[in-house]
Amino acid sequence: MRGMVPDDPQTSVSNAEFAVIYAPRKKRTRFPAACVQIKEDAAQAYADELPTEKRYAARVHGPSKSSEGQYIYYLLDWL
């Protein structure tokens, strides 16, 4: 994905994680850290998903610092 910081093999700063994302529009590919709740596994993400409140289970990569100075997560895929 364009702009995504690749994994550093020597650290665990930026990783692929399961999460629940607050997403008013599911067309976005990056989300501010405030909209992302990291979960331990896919089952937990599914359990905490609330589509009526626009909170969806996903797999994300991050955190990464944007050019604006915010921490963001990149969407890998919706679960």
Protein backbone atom coordinates (compact mmCIF):
# COMPACT_ATOMS: atom_id res chain seq x y z
CA MET A 1 0.00 0.00 0.00
CA ARG A 2 1.33 3.41 -0.89
CA GLY A 3 2.63 5.34 2.10
CA MET A 4 2.54 2.45 4.53
CA VAL A 5 5.64 2.02 6.68
CA PRO A 6 6.95 -1.55 6.28
CA ASP A 7 7.58 -3.82 9.27
CA ASP A 8 10.90 -3.43 11.02
CA PRO A 9 12.25 -6.95 11.62
CA GLN A 10 14.21 -5.82 14.70
CA THR A 11 11.32 -4.21 16.59
CA SER A 12 7.58 -4.55 17.07
CA VAL A 13 6.72 -0.87 16.67
CA SER A 14 4.39 -1.35 13.71
CA ASN A 15 2.51 -4.65 13.36
CA ALA A 16 -0.52 -6.27 11.79
CA GLU A 17 -3.23 -6.40 14.47
CA PHE A 18 -6.91 -7.25 14.83
CA ALA A 19 -9.07 -4.29 15.76
CA VAL A 20 -12.48 -2.70 15.87
CA ILE A 21 -12.59 0.50 13.83
CA TYR A 22 -15.07 3.35 14.08
CA ALA A 23 -15.71 3.99 10.38
CA PRO A 24 -18.60 6.22 9.23
CA ARG A 25 -17.50 5.34 5.64
CA LYS A 26 -15.88 1.98 4.93
CA LYS A 27 -14.12 3.32 1.81
CA ARG A 28 -11.16 4.76 3.74
CA THR A 29 -7.83 2.94 3.90
CA ARG A 30 -6.27 4.73 6.89
CA PHE A 31 -7.70 5.68 10.26
CA PRO A 32 -6.54 7.87 13.14
CA ALA A 33 -5.46 5.94 16.24
CA ALA A 34 -8.42 7.41 18.15
CA CYS A 35 -10.80 5.44 15.88
CA VAL A 36 -9.01 2.10 16.35
CA GLN A 37 -9.37 -0.31 19.28
CA ILE A 38 -6.76 -3.09 19.15
CA LYS A 39 -8.03 -6.57 20.07
CA GLU A 40 -6.17 -9.76 20.98
CA ASP A 41 -7.55 -11.89 18.13
CA ALA A 42 -10.14 -12.06 15.36
CA ALA A 43 -12.74 -13.65 17.62
CA GLN A 44 -12.53 -10.75 20.07
CA ALA A 45 -12.78 -8.23 17.23
CA TYR A 46 -15.90 -10.00 15.90
CA ALA A 47 -17.42 -10.10 19.41
CA ASP A 48 -16.89 -6.35 19.93
CA GLU A 49 -18.14 -5.32 16.48
CA LEU A 50 -21.20 -3.01 16.54
CA PRO A 51 -22.37 -2.29 12.97
CA THR A 52 -25.31 -0.19 14.22
CA GLU A 53 -22.73 2.18 15.78
CA LYS A 54 -20.42 1.97 12.73
CA ARG A 55 -17.76 -0.06 14.58
CA TYR A 56 -16.41 -2.85 12.38
CA ALA A 57 -13.94 -5.69 12.89
CA ALA A 58 -10.82 -5.42 10.75
CA ARG A 59 -7.15 -6.27 10.42
CA VAL A 60 -4.93 -3.19 10.53
CA HIS A 61 -1.25 -2.31 10.30
CA GLY A 62 0.28 0.27 12.55
CA PRO A 63 0.66 2.55 14.31
CA SER A 64 2.50 4.79 11.91
CA LYS A 65 3.06 8.52 12.09
CA SER A 66 1.43 10.52 9.30
CA SER A 67 2.96 13.56 7.64
CA GLU A 68 0.56 15.66 9.73
CA GLY A 69 2.05 14.21 12.94
CA GLN A 70 -0.91 11.99 13.85
CA TYR A 71 -0.67 8.28 14.60
CA ILE A 72 -2.64 6.27 12.05
CA TYR A 73 -3.47 2.67 11.21
CA TYR A 74 -3.70 1.29 7.69
CA LEU A 75 -6.58 -1.03 6.83
CA LEU A 76 -5.40 -4.45 5.62
CA ASP A 77 -8.89 -5.96 5.32
CA TRP A 78 -12.34 -5.98 6.86
CA LEU A 79 -13.24 -9.17 8.73
